[in-house]
N, C-alpha and C. Protein backbone atom coordinates (compact mmCIF):
# COMPACT_ATOMS: atom_id res chain seq x y z
N MET A 1 128.35 105.41 103.64
CA MET A 1 128.39 105.01 105.03
C MET A 1 126.95 104.93 105.54
N SER A 2 126.57 103.80 106.11
CA SER A 2 125.21 103.67 106.62
C SER A 2 125.18 103.97 108.11
N ALA A 3 124.10 104.59 108.51
CA ALA A 3 123.93 104.92 109.92
C ALA A 3 122.74 104.14 110.46
N ASN A 4 122.85 103.71 111.68
CA ASN A 4 121.73 103.03 112.32
C ASN A 4 120.72 104.06 112.76
N LYS A 5 119.45 103.76 112.57
CA LYS A 5 118.36 104.65 112.97
C LYS A 5 117.45 103.90 113.92
N ARG A 6 116.82 104.63 114.78
CA ARG A 6 115.85 104.04 115.69
C ARG A 6 114.45 104.30 115.16
N ILE A 7 113.61 103.30 115.22
CA ILE A 7 112.23 103.43 114.79
C ILE A 7 111.35 103.17 116.00
N PRO A 8 110.65 104.20 116.49
CA PRO A 8 109.79 103.99 117.65
C PRO A 8 108.66 103.01 117.30
N ALA A 9 108.40 102.08 118.19
CA ALA A 9 107.33 101.11 117.99
C ALA A 9 106.73 100.76 119.35
N THR A 10 105.45 100.46 119.34
CA THR A 10 104.81 100.03 120.58
C THR A 10 105.33 98.65 120.94
N GLU A 11 105.12 98.27 122.16
CA GLU A 11 105.52 96.94 122.62
C GLU A 11 104.83 95.86 121.78
N GLU A 12 103.55 96.07 121.49
CA GLU A 12 102.79 95.09 120.71
C GLU A 12 103.37 94.95 119.29
N THR A 13 103.69 96.07 118.66
CA THR A 13 104.28 96.03 117.32
C THR A 13 105.63 95.33 117.35
N TRP A 14 106.43 95.64 118.35
CA TRP A 14 107.75 95.00 118.47
C TRP A 14 107.60 93.49 118.62
N LYS A 15 106.63 93.06 119.44
CA LYS A 15 106.40 91.62 119.63
C LYS A 15 105.99 90.96 118.31
N GLU A 16 105.11 91.63 117.56
CA GLU A 16 104.67 91.06 116.29
C GLU A 16 105.83 90.97 115.29
N LEU A 17 106.66 91.99 115.25
CA LEU A 17 107.85 91.93 114.38
C LEU A 17 108.77 90.80 114.82
N HIS A 18 108.94 90.67 116.11
CA HIS A 18 109.81 89.62 116.64
C HIS A 18 109.29 88.23 116.26
N GLU A 19 107.97 88.07 116.25
CA GLU A 19 107.37 86.78 115.87
C GLU A 19 107.58 86.49 114.38
N LEU A 20 107.65 87.54 113.56
CA LEU A 20 107.87 87.36 112.12
C LEU A 20 109.32 87.03 111.79
N LYS A 21 110.21 87.46 112.65
CA LYS A 21 111.65 87.32 112.42
C LYS A 21 112.07 85.86 112.54
N GLU A 22 112.87 85.42 111.57
CA GLU A 22 113.41 84.06 111.61
C GLU A 22 114.64 84.03 112.51
N PRO A 23 114.97 82.86 113.08
CA PRO A 23 116.20 82.78 113.88
C PRO A 23 117.41 83.20 113.06
N GLY A 24 118.23 84.06 113.62
CA GLY A 24 119.42 84.53 112.94
C GLY A 24 119.19 85.71 112.01
N GLN A 25 117.94 86.03 111.75
CA GLN A 25 117.60 87.15 110.88
C GLN A 25 117.64 88.45 111.67
N THR A 26 118.21 89.49 111.10
CA THR A 26 118.23 90.78 111.77
C THR A 26 116.91 91.50 111.51
N PHE A 27 116.62 92.50 112.35
CA PHE A 27 115.42 93.29 112.11
C PHE A 27 115.55 94.06 110.80
N ASP A 28 116.75 94.48 110.45
CA ASP A 28 116.97 95.16 109.17
C ASP A 28 116.60 94.24 108.02
N GLU A 29 117.03 92.99 108.08
CA GLU A 29 116.69 92.02 107.04
C GLU A 29 115.19 91.79 106.98
N LEU A 30 114.56 91.68 108.15
CA LEU A 30 113.11 91.48 108.21
C LEU A 30 112.38 92.67 107.58
N LEU A 31 112.77 93.88 107.96
CA LEU A 31 112.12 95.06 107.41
C LEU A 31 112.33 95.16 105.91
N THR A 32 113.51 94.83 105.44
CA THR A 32 113.79 94.83 104.00
C THR A 32 112.87 93.84 103.29
N GLU A 33 112.71 92.66 103.87
CA GLU A 33 111.84 91.63 103.30
C GLU A 33 110.39 92.12 103.28
N LEU A 34 109.92 92.72 104.36
CA LEU A 34 108.55 93.22 104.43
C LEU A 34 108.31 94.33 103.41
N ILE A 35 109.28 95.20 103.24
CA ILE A 35 109.17 96.27 102.24
C ILE A 35 109.07 95.68 100.84
N GLN A 36 109.91 94.70 100.54
CA GLN A 36 109.89 94.06 99.23
C GLN A 36 108.54 93.40 98.97
N GLU A 37 108.02 92.68 99.95
CA GLU A 37 106.72 92.02 99.80
C GLU A 37 105.62 93.05 99.58
N HIS A 38 105.68 94.16 100.30
CA HIS A 38 104.68 95.22 100.15
C HIS A 38 104.73 95.80 98.73
N GLN A 39 105.93 96.07 98.24
CA GLN A 39 106.08 96.62 96.89
C GLN A 39 105.57 95.65 95.83
N GLU A 40 105.82 94.36 96.03
CA GLU A 40 105.34 93.35 95.09
C GLU A 40 103.82 93.29 95.09
N ARG A 41 103.20 93.39 96.28
CA ARG A 41 101.74 93.39 96.36
C ARG A 41 101.15 94.61 95.66
N ARG A 42 101.78 95.78 95.86
CA ARG A 42 101.30 97.00 95.20
C ARG A 42 101.40 96.88 93.68
N LEU A 43 102.50 96.33 93.19
CA LEU A 43 102.67 96.14 91.76
C LEU A 43 101.63 95.16 91.21
N ALA A 44 101.39 94.07 91.92
CA ALA A 44 100.40 93.09 91.49
C ALA A 44 99.01 93.71 91.46
N GLU A 45 98.69 94.53 92.45
CA GLU A 45 97.39 95.20 92.49
C GLU A 45 97.25 96.16 91.31
N ARG A 46 98.30 96.90 91.02
CA ARG A 46 98.26 97.83 89.88
C ARG A 46 98.09 97.07 88.57
N ALA A 47 98.78 95.95 88.42
CA ALA A 47 98.65 95.13 87.21
C ALA A 47 97.22 94.61 87.09
N ARG A 48 96.63 94.20 88.20
CA ARG A 48 95.25 93.71 88.21
C ARG A 48 94.30 94.84 87.78
N GLU A 49 94.52 96.05 88.28
CA GLU A 49 93.68 97.19 87.90
C GLU A 49 93.78 97.47 86.40
N VAL A 50 94.98 97.40 85.85
CA VAL A 50 95.16 97.65 84.42
C VAL A 50 94.46 96.57 83.61
N ARG A 51 94.57 95.31 84.02
CA ARG A 51 93.91 94.21 83.29
C ARG A 51 92.40 94.40 83.28
N GLU A 52 91.85 94.97 84.36
CA GLU A 52 90.40 95.11 84.49
C GLU A 52 89.86 96.37 83.81
N MET A 53 90.74 97.24 83.33
CA MET A 53 90.29 98.46 82.66
C MET A 53 89.55 98.13 81.38
N ASP A 54 88.61 98.99 81.03
CA ASP A 54 87.96 98.89 79.74
C ASP A 54 88.99 99.15 78.66
N GLU A 55 88.82 98.50 77.54
CA GLU A 55 89.74 98.75 76.43
C GLU A 55 89.69 100.21 76.02
N GLU A 56 88.53 100.86 76.19
CA GLU A 56 88.39 102.26 75.82
C GLU A 56 89.27 103.16 76.69
N GLU A 57 89.58 102.72 77.90
CA GLU A 57 90.41 103.50 78.81
C GLU A 57 91.89 103.37 78.48
N LEU A 58 92.25 102.38 77.68
CA LEU A 58 93.66 102.13 77.37
C LEU A 58 94.04 102.74 76.03
N THR A 59 95.28 103.12 75.90
CA THR A 59 95.79 103.68 74.65
C THR A 59 96.43 102.56 73.84
N PRO A 60 96.01 102.40 72.57
CA PRO A 60 96.59 101.34 71.74
C PRO A 60 98.11 101.50 71.58
N HIS A 61 98.79 100.38 71.43
CA HIS A 61 100.25 100.35 71.31
C HIS A 61 100.73 101.23 70.15
N ASP A 62 100.08 101.13 68.99
CA ASP A 62 100.49 101.93 67.83
C ASP A 62 100.39 103.42 68.12
N GLU A 63 99.35 103.82 68.82
CA GLU A 63 99.18 105.24 69.15
C GLU A 63 100.29 105.71 70.10
N LEU A 64 100.65 104.86 71.05
CA LEU A 64 101.75 105.20 71.96
C LEU A 64 103.06 105.34 71.20
N ARG A 65 103.30 104.41 70.28
CA ARG A 65 104.53 104.45 69.49
C ARG A 65 104.60 105.74 68.68
N ASN A 66 103.47 106.14 68.09
CA ASN A 66 103.43 107.38 67.30
C ASN A 66 103.71 108.59 68.18
N LEU A 67 103.26 108.57 69.40
CA LEU A 67 103.51 109.68 70.32
C LEU A 67 104.99 109.82 70.65
N LEU A 68 105.69 108.69 70.66
CA LEU A 68 107.11 108.70 71.01
C LEU A 68 108.01 109.06 69.83
N GLU A 69 107.47 108.99 68.63
CA GLU A 69 108.29 109.27 67.44
C GLU A 69 108.46 110.74 67.22
């Protein structure tokens, strides 16, 4: 069972959220979309950080496999 919750926001924040909201879209749908986009950005940033690591900082695949055996 889901319960509705109130999230305090300033008038300015509410206006900005309202501007982001598409016609017919609920605030719940908007917030869900914003959360998803945020999580995708965080994942992309983490992937970028891993790509930029020195090879010395990374553990070779074979070594990882041996650790799991």
